């Protein structure tokens, strides 16, 4: 670039202007270089920011899916807990029934022993019968006493 002075100036003024222009060009060149570096950093950071944003969106989508699945699992767990509670109640009822049945069986066995003993005593007191006059009863006849049998023969 050529500078043509409009007025006569001394050489020192021309030198000062020339140095100022050179300094300005140097500063401008440095600023351009710094701007280019900053632009590169900005582009890099913008790209990283976009990657972070994309990753965040992906994670949010996954989080939503996990929350939905967790909700379903929680509902299933609650249903299973309720079913388990019902079963435990039914088991308790059956255990009560079993206890009652067991008590009844114990009482019946005791009664059966008493009845059996009474039958033995009665049978020992009974006189044998003579069935010889009754032809229909000439074969042996089975007499059943509450699950116990005794044969009477003619």
N, C-alpha and C. Protein backbone atom coordinates (compact mmCIF):
# COMPACT_ATOMS: atom_id res chain seq x y z
N UNK A 1 0.82 -1.14 0.00
CA UNK A 1 0.00 0.00 0.00
C UNK A 1 0.89 1.23 0.00
N UNK A 2 0.58 2.14 -0.87
CA UNK A 2 1.39 3.35 -1.01
C UNK A 2 0.64 4.50 -0.40
N UNK A 3 1.33 5.23 0.44
CA UNK A 3 0.73 6.40 1.07
C UNK A 3 1.36 7.62 0.46
N UNK A 4 0.54 8.44 -0.06
CA UNK A 4 1.03 9.69 -0.62
C UNK A 4 0.63 10.82 0.29
N UNK A 5 1.60 11.43 0.83
CA UNK A 5 1.29 12.53 1.74
C UNK A 5 0.71 13.71 0.97
N UNK A 6 -0.30 14.28 1.58
CA UNK A 6 -0.89 15.46 0.98
C UNK A 6 -0.13 16.70 1.39
N UNK A 7 0.50 16.57 2.51
CA UNK A 7 1.31 17.71 2.94
C UNK A 7 2.73 17.22 3.12
N UNK A 8 3.56 18.14 3.11
CA UNK A 8 4.96 17.83 3.33
C UNK A 8 5.14 17.49 4.80
N UNK A 9 5.76 16.39 5.02
CA UNK A 9 6.05 16.01 6.39
C UNK A 9 7.50 15.63 6.48
N UNK A 10 7.90 15.62 7.68
CA UNK A 10 9.29 15.25 7.86
C UNK A 10 9.40 13.74 7.81
N UNK A 11 10.57 13.25 7.63
CA UNK A 11 10.81 11.81 7.55
C UNK A 11 10.42 11.10 8.85
N UNK A 12 10.59 11.74 9.91
CA UNK A 12 10.29 11.10 11.19
C UNK A 12 8.79 10.84 11.31
N UNK A 13 7.97 11.74 10.79
CA UNK A 13 6.53 11.55 10.85
C UNK A 13 6.15 10.39 9.95
N UNK A 14 6.77 10.34 8.76
CA UNK A 14 6.50 9.25 7.82
C UNK A 14 6.90 7.92 8.45
N UNK A 15 7.98 7.88 9.12
CA UNK A 15 8.46 6.66 9.76
C UNK A 15 7.49 6.25 10.86
N UNK A 16 7.03 7.17 11.60
CA UNK A 16 6.10 6.89 12.69
C UNK A 16 4.79 6.34 12.13
N UNK A 17 4.31 6.92 11.05
CA UNK A 17 3.08 6.42 10.43
C UNK A 17 3.30 5.02 9.89
N UNK A 18 4.42 4.82 9.29
CA UNK A 18 4.75 3.54 8.70
C UNK A 18 4.84 2.47 9.79
N UNK A 19 5.45 2.83 10.88
CA UNK A 19 5.56 1.89 12.00
C UNK A 19 4.18 1.62 12.60
N UNK A 20 3.37 2.65 12.69
CA UNK A 20 2.03 2.49 13.23
C UNK A 20 1.20 1.56 12.34
N UNK A 21 1.36 1.73 11.04
CA UNK A 21 0.63 0.86 10.10
C UNK A 21 1.12 -0.57 10.23
N UNK A 22 2.44 -0.73 10.30
CA UNK A 22 3.02 -2.06 10.46
C UNK A 22 2.53 -2.69 11.77
N UNK A 23 2.55 -1.90 12.84
CA UNK A 23 2.08 -2.40 14.14
C UNK A 23 0.60 -2.79 14.06
N UNK A 24 -0.17 -1.93 13.37
CA UNK A 24 -1.61 -2.22 13.22
C UNK A 24 -1.82 -3.51 12.43
N UNK A 25 -1.03 -3.67 11.36
CA UNK A 25 -1.14 -4.89 10.54
C UNK A 25 -0.75 -6.11 11.38
N UNK A 26 0.29 -5.98 12.17
CA UNK A 26 0.72 -7.08 13.04
C UNK A 26 -0.39 -7.43 14.04
N UNK A 27 -0.92 -6.39 14.66
CA UNK A 27 -1.99 -6.60 15.64
C UNK A 27 -3.20 -7.24 14.96
N UNK A 28 -3.55 -6.74 13.77
CA UNK A 28 -4.68 -7.29 13.03
C UNK A 28 -4.42 -8.76 12.69
N UNK A 29 -3.20 -9.08 12.27
CA UNK A 29 -2.84 -10.46 11.92
C UNK A 29 -2.95 -11.36 13.15
N UNK A 30 -2.44 -10.85 14.28
CA UNK A 30 -2.54 -11.63 15.52
C UNK A 30 -4.00 -11.82 15.91
N UNK A 31 -4.80 -10.77 15.79
CA UNK A 31 -6.22 -10.86 16.13
C UNK A 31 -6.94 -11.86 15.22
N UNK A 32 -6.58 -11.81 13.92
CA UNK A 32 -7.17 -12.77 12.98
C UNK A 32 -6.80 -14.19 13.38
N UNK A 33 -5.54 -14.39 13.74
CA UNK A 33 -5.06 -15.71 14.15
C UNK A 33 -5.78 -16.17 15.42
N UNK A 34 -5.89 -15.26 16.39
CA UNK A 34 -6.59 -15.59 17.63
C UNK A 34 -8.07 -15.87 17.36
N UNK A 35 -8.65 -15.07 16.46
CA UNK A 35 -10.05 -15.28 16.10
C UNK A 35 -10.21 -16.67 15.48
N UNK A 36 -9.29 -17.05 14.59
CA UNK A 36 -9.36 -18.36 13.94
C UNK A 36 -9.25 -19.47 14.99
N UNK A 37 -8.33 -19.30 15.95
CA UNK A 37 -8.19 -20.29 17.02
C UNK A 37 -9.47 -20.37 17.85
N UNK A 38 -10.01 -19.20 18.22
CA UNK A 38 -11.24 -19.16 19.00
C UNK A 38 -12.41 -19.78 18.23
N UNK A 39 -12.46 -19.50 16.92
CA UNK A 39 -13.52 -20.08 16.09
C UNK A 39 -13.39 -21.60 16.07
N UNK A 40 -12.15 -22.10 15.97
CA UNK A 40 -11.91 -23.54 15.98
C UNK A 40 -12.36 -24.14 17.32
N UNK A 41 -11.98 -23.45 18.43
CA UNK A 41 -12.40 -23.92 19.75
C UNK A 41 -13.93 -23.88 19.87
N UNK A 42 -14.54 -22.82 19.37
CA UNK A 42 -15.99 -22.69 19.43
C UNK A 42 -16.66 -23.82 18.65
N UNK A 43 -16.14 -24.09 17.44
CA UNK A 43 -16.69 -25.17 16.62
C UNK A 43 -16.57 -26.51 17.35
N UNK A 44 -15.40 -26.72 17.96
CA UNK A 44 -15.16 -27.96 18.70
C UNK A 44 -16.14 -28.07 19.88
N UNK A 45 -16.27 -26.98 20.64
CA UNK A 45 -17.18 -26.97 21.78
C UNK A 45 -18.64 -27.13 21.34
N UNK A 46 -18.98 -26.51 20.21
CA UNK A 46 -20.35 -26.65 19.68
C UNK A 46 -20.63 -28.11 19.34
N UNK A 47 -19.63 -28.76 18.73
CA UNK A 47 -19.78 -30.17 18.37
C UNK A 47 -19.93 -31.01 19.65
N UNK A 48 -19.09 -30.73 20.65
CA UNK A 48 -19.18 -31.46 21.92
C UNK A 48 -20.52 -31.21 22.60
N UNK A 49 -20.97 -29.96 22.56
CA UNK A 49 -22.26 -29.63 23.16
C UNK A 49 -23.38 -30.40 22.46
N UNK A 50 -23.31 -30.49 21.14
CA UNK A 50 -24.33 -31.23 20.40
C UNK A 50 -24.28 -32.71 20.78
N UNK A 51 -23.06 -33.26 20.93
CA UNK A 51 -22.93 -34.67 21.34
C UNK A 51 -23.52 -34.87 22.74
N UNK A 52 -23.22 -33.94 23.64
CA UNK A 52 -23.77 -34.03 25.00
C UNK A 52 -25.29 -33.93 24.96
N UNK A 53 -25.82 -33.03 24.14
CA UNK A 53 -27.27 -32.88 24.00
C UNK A 53 -27.88 -34.17 23.46
N UNK A 54 -27.25 -34.75 22.43
CA UNK A 54 -27.75 -36.00 21.86
C UNK A 54 -27.72 -37.12 22.90
N UNK A 55 -26.60 -37.20 23.63
CA UNK A 55 -26.47 -38.22 24.68
C UNK A 55 -27.53 -38.01 25.74
N UNK A 56 -27.76 -36.77 26.12
CA UNK A 56 -28.78 -36.45 27.12
C UNK A 56 -30.16 -36.87 26.63
N UNK A 57 -30.46 -36.59 25.37
CA UNK A 57 -31.75 -37.00 24.81
C UNK A 57 -31.90 -38.52 24.84
N UNK A 58 -30.82 -39.22 24.46
CA UNK A 58 -30.84 -40.69 24.48
C UNK A 58 -31.07 -41.21 25.89
N UNK A 59 -30.34 -40.62 26.84
CA UNK A 59 -30.48 -41.04 28.24
C UNK A 59 -31.88 -40.74 28.77
N UNK A 60 -32.45 -39.61 28.38
CA UNK A 60 -33.81 -39.28 28.81
C UNK A 60 -34.82 -40.28 28.25
N UNK A 61 -34.61 -40.68 26.99
CA UNK A 61 -35.48 -41.68 26.37
C UNK A 61 -35.36 -43.00 27.12
N UNK A 62 -34.11 -43.40 27.42
CA UNK A 62 -33.90 -44.65 28.17
C UNK A 62 -34.50 -44.56 29.57
N UNK A 63 -34.34 -43.40 30.20
CA UNK A 63 -34.89 -43.21 31.55
C UNK A 63 -36.41 -43.34 31.53
N UNK A 64 -37.04 -42.77 30.52
CA UNK A 64 -38.49 -42.88 30.39
C UNK A 64 -38.90 -44.34 30.24
N UNK A 65 -38.16 -45.08 29.40
CA UNK A 65 -38.46 -46.51 29.21
C UNK A 65 -38.27 -47.28 30.52
N UNK A 66 -37.21 -46.98 31.24
CA UNK A 66 -36.94 -47.66 32.52
C UNK A 66 -38.03 -47.33 33.53
N UNK A 67 -38.46 -46.07 33.58
CA UNK A 67 -39.54 -45.68 34.50
C UNK A 67 -40.82 -46.43 34.17
N UNK A 68 -41.11 -46.56 32.88
CA UNK A 68 -42.31 -47.28 32.45
C UNK A 68 -42.22 -48.75 32.86
N UNK A 69 -41.06 -49.35 32.61
CA UNK A 69 -40.86 -50.76 32.97
C UNK A 69 -40.93 -50.93 34.49
N UNK A 70 -40.35 -50.00 35.22
CA UNK A 70 -40.40 -50.05 36.68
C UNK A 70 -41.84 -49.97 37.17
N UNK A 71 -42.63 -49.14 36.52
CA UNK A 71 -44.04 -49.01 36.89
C UNK A 71 -44.77 -50.34 36.68
N UNK A 72 -44.50 -50.99 35.54
CA UNK A 72 -45.12 -52.28 35.25
C UNK A 72 -44.69 -53.33 36.28
N UNK A 73 -43.39 -53.35 36.58
CA UNK A 73 -42.87 -54.32 37.54
C UNK A 73 -43.47 -54.07 38.92
N UNK A 74 -43.62 -52.81 39.27
CA UNK A 74 -44.22 -52.46 40.57
C UNK A 74 -45.66 -52.95 40.63
N UNK A 75 -46.40 -52.76 39.54
CA UNK A 75 -47.79 -53.25 39.50
C UNK A 75 -47.83 -54.77 39.65
N UNK A 76 -46.92 -55.46 38.94
CA UNK A 76 -46.86 -56.92 39.03
C UNK A 76 -46.52 -57.35 40.46
N UNK A 77 -45.55 -56.66 41.07
CA UNK A 77 -45.14 -56.97 42.44
C UNK A 77 -46.32 -56.79 43.38
N UNK A 78 -47.04 -55.69 43.22
CA UNK A 78 -48.19 -55.43 44.09
C UNK A 78 -49.26 -56.51 43.93
N UNK A 79 -49.49 -56.92 42.67
CA UNK A 79 -50.48 -57.98 42.42
C UNK A 79 -50.02 -59.30 43.06
N UNK A 80 -48.71 -59.60 42.92
CA UNK A 80 -48.19 -60.83 43.53
C UNK A 80 -48.26 -60.77 45.05
N UNK A 81 -47.97 -59.61 45.61
CA UNK A 81 -48.07 -59.46 47.07
C UNK A 81 -49.50 -59.69 47.54
N UNK A 82 -50.46 -59.14 46.78
CA UNK A 82 -51.87 -59.31 47.15
C UNK A 82 -52.27 -60.79 47.04
N UNK A 83 -51.82 -61.44 45.95
CA UNK A 83 -52.12 -62.87 45.78
C UNK A 83 -51.47 -63.68 46.90
N UNK A 84 -50.25 -63.33 47.26
CA UNK A 84 -49.55 -64.02 48.34
C UNK A 84 -50.29 -63.84 49.66
N UNK A 85 -50.76 -62.63 49.90
CA UNK A 85 -51.52 -62.35 51.13
C UNK A 85 -52.79 -63.20 51.18
N UNK A 86 -53.47 -63.29 50.03
CA UNK A 86 -54.68 -64.11 49.95
C UNK A 86 -54.36 -65.57 50.23
N UNK A 87 -53.26 -66.06 49.61
CA UNK A 87 -52.86 -67.45 49.83
C UNK A 87 -52.50 -67.71 51.29
N UNK A 88 -51.80 -66.77 51.89
CA UNK A 88 -51.42 -66.93 53.30
C UNK A 88 -52.68 -67.00 54.18
N UNK A 89 -53.68 -66.19 53.86
CA UNK A 89 -54.94 -66.22 54.60
C UNK A 89 -55.62 -67.58 54.42
N UNK A 90 -55.64 -68.07 53.16
CA UNK A 90 -56.26 -69.37 52.88
C UNK A 90 -55.51 -70.49 53.60
N UNK A 91 -54.17 -70.40 53.62
CA UNK A 91 -53.37 -71.40 54.32
C UNK A 91 -53.71 -71.40 55.81
N UNK A 92 -53.82 -70.21 56.38
CA UNK A 92 -54.17 -70.10 57.80
C UNK A 92 -55.54 -70.73 58.06
N UNK A 93 -56.50 -70.48 57.15
CA UNK A 93 -57.82 -71.09 57.30
C UNK A 93 -57.73 -72.62 57.24
N UNK A 94 -56.95 -73.13 56.26
CA UNK A 94 -56.79 -74.58 56.11
C UNK A 94 -56.10 -75.18 57.33
N UNK A 95 -55.11 -74.47 57.88
CA UNK A 95 -54.44 -74.96 59.08
C UNK A 95 -55.42 -75.04 60.24
N UNK A 96 -56.31 -74.05 60.34
CA UNK A 96 -57.34 -74.08 61.39
C UNK A 96 -58.27 -75.27 61.17
N UNK A 97 -58.67 -75.49 59.91
CA UNK A 97 -59.53 -76.63 59.59
C UNK A 97 -58.81 -77.94 59.92
N UNK A 98 -57.51 -78.02 59.55
CA UNK A 98 -56.74 -79.23 59.82
C UNK A 98 -56.64 -79.49 61.32
N UNK A 99 -56.44 -78.41 62.09
CA UNK A 99 -56.38 -78.56 63.54
C UNK A 99 -57.70 -79.09 64.08
N UNK A 100 -58.80 -78.54 63.58
CA UNK A 100 -60.13 -78.99 64.00
C UNK A 100 -60.33 -80.45 63.63
N UNK A 101 -59.96 -80.80 62.41
CA UNK A 101 -60.11 -82.19 61.95
C UNK A 101 -59.25 -83.12 62.80
N UNK A 102 -58.02 -82.70 63.07
CA UNK A 102 -57.12 -83.50 63.89
C UNK A 102 -57.68 -83.71 65.29
N UNK A 103 -58.23 -82.64 65.87
CA UNK A 103 -58.86 -82.75 67.19
C UNK A 103 -60.06 -83.70 67.14
N UNK A 104 -60.87 -83.58 66.06
CA UNK A 104 -62.02 -84.48 65.89
C UNK A 104 -61.55 -85.93 65.78
N UNK A 105 -60.51 -86.16 64.97
CA UNK A 105 -60.00 -87.53 64.80
C UNK A 105 -59.50 -88.10 66.12
N UNK A 106 -58.79 -87.28 66.87
CA UNK A 106 -58.29 -87.73 68.17
C UNK A 106 -59.46 -88.11 69.08
N UNK A 107 -60.47 -87.28 69.10
CA UNK A 107 -61.66 -87.54 69.92
C UNK A 107 -62.37 -88.80 69.44
N UNK A 108 -62.50 -88.97 68.11
CA UNK A 108 -63.17 -90.15 67.55
C UNK A 108 -62.38 -91.43 67.86
N UNK A 109 -61.06 -91.35 67.77
CA UNK A 109 -60.24 -92.52 68.09
C UNK A 109 -60.43 -92.92 69.55
N UNK A 110 -60.43 -91.91 70.41
CA UNK A 110 -60.64 -92.17 71.83
C UNK A 110 -62.00 -92.80 72.04
N UNK A 111 -63.03 -92.23 71.39
CA UNK A 111 -64.38 -92.80 71.49
C UNK A 111 -64.43 -94.22 70.94
N UNK A 112 -63.73 -94.45 69.82
CA UNK A 112 -63.72 -95.78 69.21
C UNK A 112 -63.08 -96.78 70.17
N UNK A 113 -62.00 -96.40 70.85
CA UNK A 113 -61.36 -97.30 71.82
C UNK A 113 -62.34 -97.62 72.96
N UNK A 114 -63.02 -96.58 73.42
CA UNK A 114 -64.00 -96.80 74.49
C UNK A 114 -65.12 -97.73 74.03
N UNK A 115 -65.65 -97.50 72.84
CA UNK A 115 -66.74 -98.32 72.30
C UNK A 115 -66.26 -99.75 72.11
N UNK A 116 -65.05 -99.90 71.57
CA UNK A 116 -64.49 -101.23 71.36
C UNK A 116 -64.36 -101.97 72.69
N UNK A 117 -63.86 -101.28 73.68
CA UNK A 117 -63.72 -101.89 75.01
C UNK A 117 -65.09 -102.27 75.57
N UNK A 118 -66.08 -101.42 75.40
CA UNK A 118 -67.43 -101.72 75.87
C UNK A 118 -68.00 -102.93 75.13
N UNK A 119 -67.76 -103.02 73.83
CA UNK A 119 -68.23 -104.16 73.03
C UNK A 119 -67.58 -105.44 73.52
N UNK A 120 -66.29 -105.39 73.82
CA UNK A 120 -65.60 -106.59 74.30
C UNK A 120 -66.21 -107.06 75.62
N UNK A 121 -66.46 -106.10 76.48
CA UNK A 121 -67.07 -106.46 77.77
C UNK A 121 -68.45 -107.07 77.56
N UNK A 122 -69.25 -106.45 76.67
CA UNK A 122 -70.59 -106.98 76.40
C UNK A 122 -70.52 -108.36 75.76
N UNK A 123 -69.58 -108.55 74.83
CA UNK A 123 -69.47 -109.84 74.16
C UNK A 123 -69.05 -110.94 75.14
N UNK A 124 -68.24 -110.57 76.09
CA UNK A 124 -67.81 -111.58 77.06
C UNK A 124 -68.98 -112.01 77.95
N UNK A 125 -69.97 -111.16 78.13
CA UNK A 125 -71.14 -111.46 78.95
C UNK A 125 -72.23 -112.18 78.17
N UNK A 126 -72.22 -112.11 76.84
CA UNK A 126 -73.28 -112.69 76.01
C UNK A 126 -73.09 -114.20 75.96
N UNK A 127 -74.19 -114.92 76.09
CA UNK A 127 -74.16 -116.38 76.00
C UNK A 127 -74.22 -116.77 74.53
N UNK A 128 -73.46 -117.78 74.12
CA UNK A 128 -73.52 -118.20 72.72
C UNK A 128 -74.93 -118.68 72.36
N UNK A 129 -75.36 -118.37 71.15
CA UNK A 129 -76.68 -118.75 70.67
C UNK A 129 -76.57 -120.05 69.88
N UNK A 130 -77.64 -120.78 69.86
CA UNK A 130 -77.68 -122.01 69.08
C UNK A 130 -78.50 -121.72 67.84
N UNK A 131 -77.83 -121.71 66.70
CA UNK A 131 -78.52 -121.42 65.43
C UNK A 131 -78.88 -122.70 64.68
N UNK A 132 -78.70 -123.85 65.29
CA UNK A 132 -78.90 -125.11 64.59
C UNK A 132 -80.35 -125.32 64.16
N UNK A 133 -81.31 -124.76 64.88
CA UNK A 133 -82.70 -124.94 64.51
C UNK A 133 -83.10 -124.06 63.33
N UNK A 134 -82.33 -123.09 63.02
CA UNK A 134 -82.64 -122.16 61.92
C UNK A 134 -81.72 -122.49 60.77
N UNK A 135 -82.25 -123.12 59.70
CA UNK A 135 -81.42 -123.58 58.60
C UNK A 135 -80.84 -122.44 57.78
N UNK A 136 -81.55 -121.38 57.72
CA UNK A 136 -81.03 -120.24 56.96
C UNK A 136 -79.77 -119.69 57.61
N UNK A 137 -79.66 -119.82 58.89
CA UNK A 137 -78.52 -119.29 59.61
C UNK A 137 -77.49 -120.37 59.92
N UNK A 138 -77.55 -121.48 59.21
CA UNK A 138 -76.65 -122.58 59.52
C UNK A 138 -75.21 -122.27 59.08
N UNK A 139 -75.05 -121.39 58.17
CA UNK A 139 -73.70 -121.01 57.76
C UNK A 139 -73.20 -119.93 58.70
N UNK A 140 -71.91 -119.71 58.64
CA UNK A 140 -71.36 -118.70 59.55
C UNK A 140 -71.89 -117.33 59.19
N UNK A 141 -72.12 -116.54 60.20
CA UNK A 141 -72.67 -115.20 60.01
C UNK A 141 -71.68 -114.19 60.58
N UNK A 142 -71.48 -113.12 59.86
CA UNK A 142 -70.53 -112.11 60.32
C UNK A 142 -71.29 -110.97 60.98
N UNK A 143 -70.85 -110.63 62.19
CA UNK A 143 -71.47 -109.53 62.92
C UNK A 143 -70.45 -108.40 62.94
N UNK A 144 -70.86 -107.19 62.56
CA UNK A 144 -69.93 -106.06 62.46
C UNK A 144 -70.25 -105.08 63.57
N UNK A 145 -69.22 -104.69 64.33
CA UNK A 145 -69.36 -103.70 65.39
C UNK A 145 -68.41 -102.55 65.07
N UNK A 146 -68.92 -101.46 64.58
CA UNK A 146 -68.13 -100.24 64.32
C UNK A 146 -66.75 -100.52 63.73
N UNK A 147 -66.72 -101.27 62.66
CA UNK A 147 -65.45 -101.50 61.99
C UNK A 147 -64.75 -102.76 62.46
N UNK A 148 -65.22 -103.42 63.50
CA UNK A 148 -64.62 -104.66 63.97
C UNK A 148 -65.58 -105.79 63.63
N UNK A 149 -65.06 -106.89 63.19
CA UNK A 149 -65.97 -107.99 62.84
C UNK A 149 -65.67 -109.20 63.73
N UNK A 150 -66.68 -109.98 63.92
CA UNK A 150 -66.53 -111.20 64.70
C UNK A 150 -67.45 -112.22 64.05
N UNK A 151 -66.93 -113.40 63.81
CA UNK A 151 -67.75 -114.42 63.16
C UNK A 151 -68.44 -115.27 64.20
N UNK A 152 -69.70 -115.49 63.96
CA UNK A 152 -70.46 -116.44 64.78
C UNK A 152 -70.77 -117.63 63.90
N UNK A 153 -70.45 -118.78 64.31
CA UNK A 153 -70.77 -119.95 63.50
C UNK A 153 -71.81 -120.78 64.23
N UNK A 154 -72.53 -121.57 63.45
CA UNK A 154 -73.60 -122.35 64.03
C UNK A 154 -73.07 -123.55 64.75
